[in-house]
């Protein structure tokens, strides 16, 4: 059973920083592409940042220059460093990864981490 477990969410003031972590556990061969999504109250889920297994990154325009996605393959962990947060960044953040289990590749989601930006 493969699981993605997120941590690092919380309450932060505007202009502050948080780092989200997402650890993959269970029995699997390798992790392919990874990404972070978010969903604000009453809004649809949207992609925030993506990171391919080859190391290429892409970011939504609204986080460019503020957020950084990275991963530690030895720890099966993907990170989202969030700087200069503003109230519009308030949302539940979800990690997503495509993971090889057996002979197939499958998408997995974390349970979500609440990020609240407020003064």
C-alpha atoms as a PDB file:
ATOM      1  CA  UNK A   1       0.000   0.000   0.000  1.00  0.00           C
ATOM      2  CA  UNK A   2       1.574   3.233  -1.177  1.00  0.00           C
ATOM      3  CA  UNK A   3       0.847   6.390   0.758  1.00  0.00           C
ATOM      4  CA  UNK A   4       1.788  10.033   0.447  1.00  0.00           C
ATOM      5  CA  UNK A   5       1.859  11.878   3.754  1.00  0.00           C
ATOM      6  CA  UNK A   6       2.153  15.649   3.867  1.00  0.00           C
ATOM      7  CA  UNK A   7       3.359  17.850   6.695  1.00  0.00           C
ATOM      8  CA  UNK A   8       4.430  21.416   7.319  1.00  0.00           C
ATOM      9  CA  UNK A   9       1.185  23.301   6.916  1.00  0.00           C
ATOM     10  CA  UNK A  10      -0.013  25.875   9.394  1.00  0.00           C
ATOM     11  CA  UNK A  11      -0.815  29.498  10.077  1.00  0.00           C
ATOM     12  CA  UNK A  12       1.573  32.174   8.874  1.00  0.00           C
ATOM     13  CA  UNK A  13       1.445  35.936   8.553  1.00  0.00           C
ATOM     14  CA  UNK A  14       1.553  37.653   5.156  1.00  0.00           C
ATOM     15  CA  UNK A  15       5.117  37.812   3.928  1.00  0.00           C
ATOM     16  CA  UNK A  16       6.082  34.714   5.861  1.00  0.00           C
ATOM     17  CA  UNK A  17       7.354  31.322   4.721  1.00  0.00           C
ATOM     18  CA  UNK A  18       6.433  27.679   5.089  1.00  0.00           C
ATOM     19  CA  UNK A  19       7.885  24.466   3.759  1.00  0.00           C
ATOM     20  CA  UNK A  20       5.624  21.562   2.937  1.00  0.00           C
ATOM     21  CA  UNK A  21       6.940  18.023   2.832  1.00  0.00           C
ATOM     22  CA  UNK A  22       5.421  14.950   1.225  1.00  0.00           C
ATOM     23  CA  UNK A  23       6.838  11.527   2.022  1.00  0.00           C
ATOM     24  CA  UNK A  24       6.045   8.434  -0.020  1.00  0.00           C
ATOM     25  CA  UNK A  25       5.890   5.176   1.899  1.00  0.00           C
ATOM     26  CA  UNK A  26       5.004   1.588   1.120  1.00  0.00           C
ATOM     27  CA  UNK A  27       6.209  -0.879  -1.439  1.00  0.00           C
ATOM     28  CA  UNK A  28       7.125   0.642  -4.788  1.00  0.00           C
ATOM     29  CA  UNK A  29       9.973   0.739  -7.282  1.00  0.00           C
ATOM     30  CA  UNK A  30      10.372   4.389  -8.109  1.00  0.00           C
ATOM     31  CA  UNK A  31       8.752   7.796  -8.195  1.00  0.00           C
ATOM     32  CA  UNK A  32       8.199   9.581 -11.465  1.00  0.00           C
ATOM     33  CA  UNK A  33       6.809  13.066 -11.820  1.00  0.00           C
ATOM     34  CA  UNK A  34       5.633  14.925  -8.740  1.00  0.00           C
ATOM     35  CA  UNK A  35       3.515  18.005  -8.259  1.00  0.00           C
ATOM     36  CA  UNK A  36       1.781  20.202  -5.730  1.00  0.00           C
ATOM     37  CA  UNK A  37      -1.808  21.326  -6.108  1.00  0.00           C
ATOM     38  CA  UNK A  38      -3.991  23.516  -3.959  1.00  0.00           C
ATOM     39  CA  UNK A  39      -7.670  24.081  -3.401  1.00  0.00           C
ATOM     40  CA  UNK A  40      -9.031  27.194  -1.772  1.00  0.00           C
ATOM     41  CA  UNK A  41     -12.442  27.369  -0.153  1.00  0.00           C
ATOM     42  CA  UNK A  42     -15.106  27.282  -2.840  1.00  0.00           C
ATOM     43  CA  UNK A  43     -12.525  26.962  -5.591  1.00  0.00           C
ATOM     44  CA  UNK A  44     -11.387  24.219  -7.893  1.00  0.00           C
ATOM     45  CA  UNK A  45      -8.135  22.390  -7.341  1.00  0.00           C
ATOM     46  CA  UNK A  46      -5.303  24.009  -9.274  1.00  0.00           C
ATOM     47  CA  UNK A  47      -1.741  23.038 -10.006  1.00  0.00           C
ATOM     48  CA  UNK A  48       0.930  25.011  -8.191  1.00  0.00           C
ATOM     49  CA  UNK A  49       4.206  23.424  -9.266  1.00  0.00           C
ATOM     50  CA  UNK A  50       5.529  20.337 -10.992  1.00  0.00           C
ATOM     51  CA  UNK A  51       8.820  18.486 -11.025  1.00  0.00           C
ATOM     52  CA  UNK A  52       9.681  15.755 -13.494  1.00  0.00           C
ATOM     53  CA  UNK A  53      11.861  12.781 -12.651  1.00  0.00           C
ATOM     54  CA  UNK A  54      14.497  14.401 -14.845  1.00  0.00           C
ATOM     55  CA  UNK A  55      14.561  17.516 -12.725  1.00  0.00           C
ATOM     56  CA  UNK A  56      12.564  19.913 -14.884  1.00  0.00           C
ATOM     57  CA  UNK A  57      10.285  22.259 -12.987  1.00  0.00           C
ATOM     58  CA  UNK A  58       7.292  24.351 -13.894  1.00  0.00           C
ATOM     59  CA  UNK A  59       5.241  26.766 -11.841  1.00  0.00           C
ATOM     60  CA  UNK A  60       1.887  28.464 -11.980  1.00  0.00           C
ATOM     61  CA  UNK A  61       2.269  32.146 -12.750  1.00  0.00           C
ATOM     62  CA  UNK A  62       0.844  33.134  -9.388  1.00  0.00           C
ATOM     63  CA  UNK A  63       3.718  31.457  -7.494  1.00  0.00           C
ATOM     64  CA  UNK A  64       6.669  32.074  -9.806  1.00  0.00           C
ATOM     65  CA  UNK A  65       9.566  33.574  -7.932  1.00  0.00           C
ATOM     66  CA  UNK A  66       8.011  32.747  -4.555  1.00  0.00           C
ATOM     67  CA  UNK A  67       7.633  28.957  -4.423  1.00  0.00           C
ATOM     68  CA  UNK A  68      10.208  26.249  -5.107  1.00  0.00           C
ATOM     69  CA  UNK A  69       9.525  22.567  -5.644  1.00  0.00           C
ATOM     70  CA  UNK A  70      12.297  20.072  -4.963  1.00  0.00           C
ATOM     71  CA  UNK A  71      12.771  16.440  -4.037  1.00  0.00           C
ATOM     72  CA  UNK A  72      15.121  14.182  -2.128  1.00  0.00           C
ATOM     73  CA  UNK A  73      15.069  10.818  -3.884  1.00  0.00           C
ATOM     74  CA  UNK A  74      16.967   9.101  -1.072  1.00  0.00           C
ATOM     75  CA  UNK A  75      14.181  10.090   1.325  1.00  0.00           C
ATOM     76  CA  UNK A  76      11.306   9.607  -1.143  1.00  0.00           C
ATOM     77  CA  UNK A  77      10.278  13.133  -0.268  1.00  0.00           C
ATOM     78  CA  UNK A  78       9.124  16.104  -2.285  1.00  0.00           C
ATOM     79  CA  UNK A  79       9.109  19.620  -0.873  1.00  0.00           C
ATOM     80  CA  UNK A  80       7.391  22.895  -1.558  1.00  0.00           C
ATOM     81  CA  UNK A  81       9.194  25.920  -0.178  1.00  0.00           C
ATOM     82  CA  UNK A  82       6.773  28.838  -0.033  1.00  0.00           C
ATOM     83  CA  UNK A  83       8.100  32.348   0.514  1.00  0.00           C
ATOM     84  CA  UNK A  84       6.443  35.752   0.619  1.00  0.00           C
ATOM     85  CA  UNK A  85       3.058  34.203   1.253  1.00  0.00           C
ATOM     86  CA  UNK A  86      -0.080  36.261   0.858  1.00  0.00           C
ATOM     87  CA  UNK A  87      -3.697  35.745   1.853  1.00  0.00           C
ATOM     88  CA  UNK A  88      -4.522  34.420  -1.620  1.00  0.00           C
ATOM     89  CA  UNK A  89      -2.237  31.461  -0.929  1.00  0.00           C
ATOM     90  CA  UNK A  90      -4.593  30.207   1.770  1.00  0.00           C
ATOM     91  CA  UNK A  91      -5.709  26.737   0.690  1.00  0.00           C
ATOM     92  CA  UNK A  92      -5.359  23.043   1.268  1.00  0.00           C
ATOM     93  CA  UNK A  93      -2.190  21.884  -0.475  1.00  0.00           C
ATOM     94  CA  UNK A  94      -1.996  18.404  -1.948  1.00  0.00           C
ATOM     95  CA  UNK A  95       1.007  16.523  -3.234  1.00  0.00           C
ATOM     96  CA  UNK A  96       0.711  14.245  -6.211  1.00  0.00           C
ATOM     97  CA  UNK A  97       3.143  11.655  -7.512  1.00  0.00           C
ATOM     98  CA  UNK A  98       3.212   9.073 -10.246  1.00  0.00           C
ATOM     99  CA  UNK A  99       4.708   5.952  -8.716  1.00  0.00           C
ATOM    100  CA  UNK A 100       5.799   2.680 -10.212  1.00  0.00           C
ATOM    101  CA  UNK A 101       4.119  -0.219  -8.441  1.00  0.00           C
ATOM    102  CA  UNK A 102       4.776  -3.583 -10.004  1.00  0.00           C
ATOM    103  CA  UNK A 103       4.832  -3.121 -13.767  1.00  0.00           C
ATOM    104  CA  UNK A 104       2.581  -0.105 -13.855  1.00  0.00           C
ATOM    105  CA  UNK A 105       2.711   3.595 -13.013  1.00  0.00           C
ATOM    106  CA  UNK A 106      -0.093   5.023 -10.907  1.00  0.00           C
ATOM    107  CA  UNK A 107      -1.020   8.459  -9.562  1.00  0.00           C
ATOM    108  CA  UNK A 108      -1.243   8.963  -5.826  1.00  0.00           C
ATOM    109  CA  UNK A 109      -2.451  11.881  -3.726  1.00  0.00           C
ATOM    110  CA  UNK A 110      -1.613  13.033  -0.249  1.00  0.00           C
ATOM    111  CA  UNK A 111      -4.309  13.815   2.300  1.00  0.00           C
ATOM    112  CA  UNK A 112      -3.767  17.550   2.116  1.00  0.00           C
ATOM    113  CA  UNK A 113      -2.106  20.147   4.324  1.00  0.00           C
ATOM    114  CA  UNK A 114      -3.892  23.316   5.376  1.00  0.00           C
ATOM    115  CA  UNK A 115      -2.008  26.544   4.786  1.00  0.00           C
ATOM    116  CA  UNK A 116      -3.570  29.682   6.223  1.00  0.00           C
ATOM    117  CA  UNK A 117      -2.080  33.103   5.597  1.00  0.00           C
ATOM    118  CA  UNK A 118      -3.541  35.711   7.896  1.00  0.00           C
ATOM    119  CA  UNK A 119      -2.510  38.637  10.045  1.00  0.00           C
END
